[in-house]
């Protein structure tokens, strides 16, 4: 099995933060959950869990249920 399958939750969260930041830098708007899932090789449900965890930790914010409003609060 690959090492990627055994990444810790903190490593996954950091990858999501980095991916959101990079995507916003390149395109000027936030990625969708589907884009993050494809980019990271995870399911949309897993991305949603990670984003929810980051929101609870106040590392990411989003504007209600609107699409593409993810903002990284820490740098």
PDB file of N, CA and C in Angstrom:
ATOM      1  N   UNK A   1       0.836  -1.190   0.000  1.00  0.00           N
ATOM      2  CA  UNK A   1       0.000   0.000   0.000  1.00  0.00           C
ATOM      3  C   UNK A   1       0.879   1.250   0.000  1.00  0.00           C
ATOM      4  N   UNK A   2       0.327   2.325  -0.518  1.00  0.00           N
ATOM      5  CA  UNK A   2       1.079   3.564  -0.627  1.00  0.00           C
ATOM      6  C   UNK A   2       1.064   4.335   0.679  1.00  0.00           C
ATOM      7  N   UNK A   3       2.110   5.098   0.885  1.00  0.00           N
ATOM      8  CA  UNK A   3       2.246   5.941   2.074  1.00  0.00           C
ATOM      9  C   UNK A   3       1.088   6.939   2.171  1.00  0.00           C
ATOM     10  N   UNK A   4       0.598   7.457   1.024  1.00  0.00           N
ATOM     11  CA  UNK A   4      -0.471   8.453   1.009  1.00  0.00           C
ATOM     12  C   UNK A   4      -1.726   7.982   1.733  1.00  0.00           C
ATOM     13  N   UNK A   5      -1.963   6.688   1.734  1.00  0.00           N
ATOM     14  CA  UNK A   5      -3.158   6.161   2.371  1.00  0.00           C
ATOM     15  C   UNK A   5      -3.094   6.280   3.885  1.00  0.00           C
ATOM     16  N   UNK A   6      -1.913   6.513   4.413  1.00  0.00           N
ATOM     17  CA  UNK A   6      -1.732   6.553   5.861  1.00  0.00           C
ATOM     18  C   UNK A   6      -1.390   7.934   6.393  1.00  0.00           C
ATOM     19  N   UNK A   7      -1.695   8.955   5.646  1.00  0.00           N
ATOM     20  CA  UNK A   7      -1.421  10.314   6.108  1.00  0.00           C
ATOM     21  C   UNK A   7      -2.305  10.644   7.300  1.00  0.00           C
ATOM     22  N   UNK A   8      -1.751  11.414   8.217  1.00  0.00           N
ATOM     23  CA  UNK A   8      -2.519  11.826   9.391  1.00  0.00           C
ATOM     24  C   UNK A   8      -3.540  12.886   9.002  1.00  0.00           C
ATOM     25  N   UNK A   9      -4.493  13.089   9.881  1.00  0.00           N
ATOM     26  CA  UNK A   9      -5.528  14.101   9.648  1.00  0.00           C
ATOM     27  C   UNK A   9      -4.891  15.477   9.501  1.00  0.00           C
ATOM     28  N   UNK A  10      -3.880  15.758  10.279  1.00  0.00           N
ATOM     29  CA  UNK A  10      -3.221  17.068  10.220  1.00  0.00           C
ATOM     30  C   UNK A  10      -2.510  17.247   8.885  1.00  0.00           C
ATOM     31  N   UNK A  11      -1.880  16.186   8.379  1.00  0.00           N
ATOM     32  CA  UNK A  11      -1.226  16.271   7.071  1.00  0.00           C
ATOM     33  C   UNK A  11      -2.253  16.521   5.971  1.00  0.00           C
ATOM     34  N   UNK A  12      -3.391  15.835   6.036  1.00  0.00           N
ATOM     35  CA  UNK A  12      -4.459  16.029   5.037  1.00  0.00           C
ATOM     36  C   UNK A  12      -4.993  17.456   5.119  1.00  0.00           C
ATOM     37  N   UNK A  13      -5.218  17.947   6.334  1.00  0.00           N
ATOM     38  CA  UNK A  13      -5.727  19.309   6.500  1.00  0.00           C
ATOM     39  C   UNK A  13      -4.755  20.319   5.899  1.00  0.00           C
ATOM     40  N   UNK A  14      -3.464  20.120   6.131  1.00  0.00           N
ATOM     41  CA  UNK A  14      -2.471  21.040   5.584  1.00  0.00           C
ATOM     42  C   UNK A  14      -2.473  20.997   4.063  1.00  0.00           C
ATOM     43  N   UNK A  15      -2.622  19.808   3.495  1.00  0.00           N
ATOM     44  CA  UNK A  15      -2.688  19.681   2.041  1.00  0.00           C
ATOM     45  C   UNK A  15      -3.904  20.408   1.474  1.00  0.00           C
ATOM     46  N   UNK A  16      -5.025  20.320   2.158  1.00  0.00           N
ATOM     47  CA  UNK A  16      -6.232  21.012   1.709  1.00  0.00           C
ATOM     48  C   UNK A  16      -6.021  22.527   1.784  1.00  0.00           C
ATOM     49  N   UNK A  17      -5.462  23.003   2.885  1.00  0.00           N
ATOM     50  CA  UNK A  17      -5.171  24.433   3.011  1.00  0.00           C
ATOM     51  C   UNK A  17      -4.252  24.906   1.880  1.00  0.00           C
ATOM     52  N   UNK A  18      -3.203  24.145   1.627  1.00  0.00           N
ATOM     53  CA  UNK A  18      -2.260  24.508   0.557  1.00  0.00           C
ATOM     54  C   UNK A  18      -2.940  24.489  -0.811  1.00  0.00           C
ATOM     55  N   UNK A  19      -3.804  23.499  -1.023  1.00  0.00           N
ATOM     56  CA  UNK A  19      -4.500  23.384  -2.304  1.00  0.00           C
ATOM     57  C   UNK A  19      -5.459  24.544  -2.528  1.00  0.00           C
ATOM     58  N   UNK A  20      -6.179  24.936  -1.488  1.00  0.00           N
ATOM     59  CA  UNK A  20      -7.101  26.070  -1.601  1.00  0.00           C
ATOM     60  C   UNK A  20      -6.318  27.337  -1.920  1.00  0.00           C
ATOM     61  N   UNK A  21      -5.242  27.557  -1.183  1.00  0.00           N
ATOM     62  CA  UNK A  21      -4.422  28.754  -1.384  1.00  0.00           C
ATOM     63  C   UNK A  21      -3.842  28.795  -2.792  1.00  0.00           C
ATOM     64  N   UNK A  22      -3.276  27.687  -3.241  1.00  0.00           N
ATOM     65  CA  UNK A  22      -2.679  27.627  -4.581  1.00  0.00           C
ATOM     66  C   UNK A  22      -3.724  27.866  -5.667  1.00  0.00           C
ATOM     67  N   UNK A  23      -4.877  27.225  -5.523  1.00  0.00           N
ATOM     68  CA  UNK A  23      -5.948  27.372  -6.511  1.00  0.00           C
ATOM     69  C   UNK A  23      -6.404  28.828  -6.583  1.00  0.00           C
ATOM     70  N   UNK A  24      -6.600  29.452  -5.413  1.00  0.00           N
ATOM     71  CA  UNK A  24      -7.035  30.857  -5.383  1.00  0.00           C
ATOM     72  C   UNK A  24      -5.987  31.769  -6.020  1.00  0.00           C
ATOM     73  N   UNK A  25      -4.711  31.479  -5.776  1.00  0.00           N
ATOM     74  CA  UNK A  25      -3.632  32.286  -6.362  1.00  0.00           C
ATOM     75  C   UNK A  25      -3.643  32.208  -7.889  1.00  0.00           C
ATOM     76  N   UNK A  26      -3.897  31.022  -8.407  1.00  0.00           N
ATOM     77  CA  UNK A  26      -3.867  30.812  -9.858  1.00  0.00           C
ATOM     78  C   UNK A  26      -5.126  31.327 -10.536  1.00  0.00           C
ATOM     79  N   UNK A  27      -6.301  30.982  -9.987  1.00  0.00           N
ATOM     80  CA  UNK A  27      -7.569  31.261 -10.671  1.00  0.00           C
ATOM     81  C   UNK A  27      -8.335  32.468 -10.139  1.00  0.00           C
ATOM     82  N   UNK A  28      -7.995  32.941  -8.955  1.00  0.00           N
ATOM     83  CA  UNK A  28      -8.668  34.109  -8.403  1.00  0.00           C
ATOM     84  C   UNK A  28      -9.969  33.799  -7.683  1.00  0.00           C
ATOM     85  N   UNK A  29     -10.310  32.536  -7.550  1.00  0.00           N
ATOM     86  CA  UNK A  29     -11.493  32.120  -6.797  1.00  0.00           C
ATOM     87  C   UNK A  29     -11.220  30.750  -6.183  1.00  0.00           C
ATOM     88  N   UNK A  30     -12.048  30.351  -5.252  1.00  0.00           N
ATOM     89  CA  UNK A  30     -11.847  29.096  -4.534  1.00  0.00           C
ATOM     90  C   UNK A  30     -12.252  27.886  -5.364  1.00  0.00           C
ATOM     91  N   UNK A  31     -11.609  26.749  -5.101  1.00  0.00           N
ATOM     92  CA  UNK A  31     -12.006  25.522  -5.795  1.00  0.00           C
ATOM     93  C   UNK A  31     -13.311  24.980  -5.216  1.00  0.00           C
ATOM     94  N   UNK A  32     -14.017  24.224  -6.027  1.00  0.00           N
ATOM     95  CA  UNK A  32     -15.195  23.522  -5.523  1.00  0.00           C
ATOM     96  C   UNK A  32     -14.722  22.283  -4.769  1.00  0.00           C
ATOM     97  N   UNK A  33     -15.622  21.686  -4.006  1.00  0.00           N
ATOM     98  CA  UNK A  33     -15.280  20.447  -3.309  1.00  0.00           C
ATOM     99  C   UNK A  33     -14.904  19.367  -4.322  1.00  0.00           C
ATOM    100  N   UNK A  34     -15.601  19.334  -5.453  1.00  0.00           N
ATOM    101  CA  UNK A  34     -15.307  18.339  -6.489  1.00  0.00           C
ATOM    102  C   UNK A  34     -13.901  18.543  -7.053  1.00  0.00           C
ATOM    103  N   UNK A  35     -13.513  19.792  -7.261  1.00  0.00           N
ATOM    104  CA  UNK A  35     -12.172  20.061  -7.773  1.00  0.00           C
ATOM    105  C   UNK A  35     -11.109  19.666  -6.753  1.00  0.00           C
ATOM    106  N   UNK A  36     -11.342  19.991  -5.488  1.00  0.00           N
ATOM    107  CA  UNK A  36     -10.400  19.585  -4.446  1.00  0.00           C
ATOM    108  C   UNK A  36     -10.299  18.065  -4.369  1.00  0.00           C
ATOM    109  N   UNK A  37     -11.441  17.394  -4.442  1.00  0.00           N
ATOM    110  CA  UNK A  37     -11.459  15.934  -4.372  1.00  0.00           C
ATOM    111  C   UNK A  37     -10.641  15.333  -5.513  1.00  0.00           C
ATOM    112  N   UNK A  38     -10.839  15.832  -6.712  1.00  0.00           N
ATOM    113  CA  UNK A  38     -10.105  15.317  -7.874  1.00  0.00           C
ATOM    114  C   UNK A  38      -8.615  15.611  -7.745  1.00  0.00           C
ATOM    115  N   UNK A  39      -8.295  16.817  -7.323  1.00  0.00           N
ATOM    116  CA  UNK A  39      -6.914  17.240  -7.169  1.00  0.00           C
ATOM    117  C   UNK A  39      -6.169  16.383  -6.149  1.00  0.00           C
ATOM    118  N   UNK A  40      -6.848  16.017  -5.072  1.00  0.00           N
ATOM    119  CA  UNK A  40      -6.209  15.295  -3.981  1.00  0.00           C
ATOM    120  C   UNK A  40      -6.442  13.792  -4.006  1.00  0.00           C
ATOM    121  N   UNK A  41      -7.292  13.330  -4.912  1.00  0.00           N
ATOM    122  CA  UNK A  41      -7.557  11.900  -4.985  1.00  0.00           C
ATOM    123  C   UNK A  41      -8.408  11.385  -3.842  1.00  0.00           C
ATOM    124  N   UNK A  42      -9.292  12.237  -3.338  1.00  0.00           N
ATOM    125  CA  UNK A  42     -10.190  11.878  -2.244  1.00  0.00           C
ATOM    126  C   UNK A  42     -11.632  12.029  -2.707  1.00  0.00           C
ATOM    127  N   UNK A  43     -12.563  11.545  -1.904  1.00  0.00           N
ATOM    128  CA  UNK A  43     -13.980  11.720  -2.224  1.00  0.00           C
ATOM    129  C   UNK A  43     -14.440  13.112  -1.805  1.00  0.00           C
ATOM    130  N   UNK A  44     -15.535  13.571  -2.411  1.00  0.00           N
ATOM    131  CA  UNK A  44     -16.106  14.862  -2.010  1.00  0.00           C
ATOM    132  C   UNK A  44     -16.545  14.823  -0.552  1.00  0.00           C
ATOM    133  N   UNK A  45     -17.033  13.683  -0.104  1.00  0.00           N
ATOM    134  CA  UNK A  45     -17.461  13.550   1.291  1.00  0.00           C
ATOM    135  C   UNK A  45     -16.276  13.733   2.236  1.00  0.00           C
ATOM    136  N   UNK A  46     -15.132  13.160   1.871  1.00  0.00           N
ATOM    137  CA  UNK A  46     -13.933  13.301   2.714  1.00  0.00           C
ATOM    138  C   UNK A  46     -13.448  14.751   2.700  1.00  0.00           C
ATOM    139  N   UNK A  47     -13.493  15.396   1.559  1.00  0.00           N
ATOM    140  CA  UNK A  47     -13.120  16.811   1.483  1.00  0.00           C
ATOM    141  C   UNK A  47     -14.035  17.631   2.381  1.00  0.00           C
ATOM    142  N   UNK A  48     -15.335  17.352   2.356  1.00  0.00           N
ATOM    143  CA  UNK A  48     -16.295  18.074   3.196  1.00  0.00           C
ATOM    144  C   UNK A  48     -15.965  17.879   4.674  1.00  0.00           C
ATOM    145  N   UNK A  49     -15.586  16.673   5.061  1.00  0.00           N
ATOM    146  CA  UNK A  49     -15.208  16.412   6.457  1.00  0.00           C
ATOM    147  C   UNK A  49     -13.982  17.226   6.844  1.00  0.00           C
ATOM    148  N   UNK A  50     -12.993  17.254   5.968  1.00  0.00           N
ATOM    149  CA  UNK A  50     -11.768  17.996   6.253  1.00  0.00           C
ATOM    150  C   UNK A  50     -12.061  19.489   6.338  1.00  0.00           C
ATOM    151  N   UNK A  51     -12.861  20.010   5.406  1.00  0.00           N
ATOM    152  CA  UNK A  51     -13.220  21.435   5.426  1.00  0.00           C
ATOM    153  C   UNK A  51     -13.979  21.766   6.707  1.00  0.00           C
ATOM    154  N   UNK A  52     -14.927  20.922   7.098  1.00  0.00           N
ATOM    155  CA  UNK A  52     -15.675  21.152   8.341  1.00  0.00           C
ATOM    156  C   UNK A  52     -14.729  21.214   9.534  1.00  0.00           C
ATOM    157  N   UNK A  53     -13.754  20.337   9.571  1.00  0.00           N
ATOM    158  CA  UNK A  53     -12.764  20.335  10.645  1.00  0.00           C
ATOM    159  C   UNK A  53     -11.953  21.632  10.639  1.00  0.00           C
ATOM    160  N   UNK A  54     -11.568  22.088   9.455  1.00  0.00           N
ATOM    161  CA  UNK A  54     -10.804  23.332   9.347  1.00  0.00           C
ATOM    162  C   UNK A  54     -11.637  24.540   9.751  1.00  0.00           C
ATOM    163  N   UNK A  55     -12.930  24.502   9.472  1.00  0.00           N
ATOM    164  CA  UNK A  55     -13.822  25.595   9.877  1.00  0.00           C
ATOM    165  C   UNK A  55     -13.936  25.630  11.400  1.00  0.00           C
ATOM    166  N   UNK A  56     -14.099  24.476  12.010  1.00  0.00           N
ATOM    167  CA  UNK A  56     -14.174  24.394  13.472  1.00  0.00           C
ATOM    168  C   UNK A  56     -12.894  24.938  14.110  1.00  0.00           C
ATOM    169  N   UNK A  57     -11.758  24.656  13.498  1.00  0.00           N
ATOM    170  CA  UNK A  57     -10.464  25.129  14.005  1.00  0.00           C
ATOM    171  C   UNK A  57     -10.191  26.580  13.627  1.00  0.00           C
ATOM    172  N   UNK A  58     -11.123  27.196  12.900  1.00  0.00           N
ATOM    173  CA  UNK A  58     -11.020  28.582  12.442  1.00  0.00           C
ATOM    174  C   UNK A  58      -9.793  28.827  11.563  1.00  0.00           C
ATOM    175  N   UNK A  59      -9.492  27.836  10.729  1.00  0.00           N
ATOM    176  CA  UNK A  59      -8.413  27.977   9.765  1.00  0.00           C
ATOM    177  C   UNK A  59      -8.947  28.297   8.378  1.00  0.00           C
ATOM    178  N   UNK A  60     -10.249  28.014   8.179  1.00  0.00           N
ATOM    179  CA  UNK A  60     -10.928  28.277   6.910  1.00  0.00           C
ATOM    180  C   UNK A  60     -12.298  28.852   7.222  1.00  0.00           C
ATOM    181  N   UNK A  61     -12.746  29.753   6.366  1.00  0.00           N
ATOM    182  CA  UNK A  61     -14.099  30.299   6.492  1.00  0.00           C
ATOM    183  C   UNK A  61     -14.797  30.158   5.145  1.00  0.00           C
ATOM    184  N   UNK A  62     -16.125  30.064   5.192  1.00  0.00           N
ATOM    185  CA  UNK A  62     -16.907  30.069   3.959  1.00  0.00           C
ATOM    186  C   UNK A  62     -18.184  30.848   4.212  1.00  0.00           C
ATOM    187  N   UNK A  63     -18.753  31.373   3.146  1.00  0.00           N
ATOM    188  CA  UNK A  63     -19.941  32.202   3.221  1.00  0.00           C
ATOM    189  C   UNK A  63     -21.180  31.329   3.078  1.00  0.00           C
ATOM    190  N   UNK A  64     -21.680  30.846   4.192  1.00  0.00           N
ATOM    191  CA  UNK A  64     -22.889  30.028   4.197  1.00  0.00           C
ATOM    192  C   UNK A  64     -22.786  28.833   3.274  1.00  0.00           C
ATOM    193  N   UNK A  65     -23.824  28.615   2.489  1.00  0.00           N
ATOM    194  CA  UNK A  65     -23.846  27.493   1.555  1.00  0.00           C
ATOM    195  C   UNK A  65     -23.500  27.908   0.130  1.00  0.00           C
ATOM    196  N   UNK A  66     -22.924  29.082  -0.013  1.00  0.00           N
ATOM    197  CA  UNK A  66     -22.543  29.551  -1.345  1.00  0.00           C
ATOM    198  C   UNK A  66     -21.318  28.795  -1.853  1.00  0.00           C
ATOM    199  N   UNK A  67     -21.289  28.567  -3.144  1.00  0.00           N
ATOM    200  CA  UNK A  67     -20.172  27.865  -3.769  1.00  0.00           C
ATOM    201  C   UNK A  67     -18.947  28.765  -3.891  1.00  0.00           C
ATOM    202  N   UNK A  68     -17.802  28.160  -3.831  1.00  0.00           N
ATOM    203  CA  UNK A  68     -16.516  28.815  -4.089  1.00  0.00           C
ATOM    204  C   UNK A  68     -16.242  30.021  -3.192  1.00  0.00           C
ATOM    205  N   UNK A  69     -16.571  29.908  -1.918  1.00  0.00           N
ATOM    206  CA  UNK A  69     -16.324  31.013  -0.998  1.00  0.00           C
ATOM    207  C   UNK A  69     -15.310  30.656   0.084  1.00  0.00           C
ATOM    208  N   UNK A  70     -14.570  29.557  -0.084  1.00  0.00           N
ATOM    209  CA  UNK A  70     -13.597  29.158   0.916  1.00  0.00           C
ATOM    210  C   UNK A  70     -12.460  30.181   0.989  1.00  0.00           C
ATOM    211  N   UNK A  71     -12.121  30.556   2.217  1.00  0.00           N
ATOM    212  CA  UNK A  71     -11.011  31.460   2.432  1.00  0.00           C
ATOM    213  C   UNK A  71     -10.137  30.895   3.529  1.00  0.00           C
ATOM    214  N   UNK A  72      -8.837  30.821   3.270  1.00  0.00           N
ATOM    215  CA  UNK A  72      -7.888  30.379   4.278  1.00  0.00           C
ATOM    216  C   UNK A  72      -7.621  31.565   5.196  1.00  0.00           C
ATOM    217  N   UNK A  73      -7.796  31.351   6.502  1.00  0.00           N
ATOM    218  CA  UNK A  73      -7.637  32.431   7.465  1.00  0.00           C
ATOM    219  C   UNK A  73      -6.233  32.508   8.048  1.00  0.00           C
ATOM    220  N   UNK A  74      -5.473  31.456   7.887  1.00  0.00           N
ATOM    221  CA  UNK A  74      -4.095  31.446   8.394  1.00  0.00           C
ATOM    222  C   UNK A  74      -3.142  31.338   7.214  1.00  0.00           C
ATOM    223  N   UNK A  75      -1.949  31.828   7.383  1.00  0.00           N
ATOM    224  CA  UNK A  75      -0.947  31.714   6.306  1.00  0.00           C
ATOM    225  C   UNK A  75       0.351  31.274   6.887  1.00  0.00           C
TER     226      UNK A  75
END
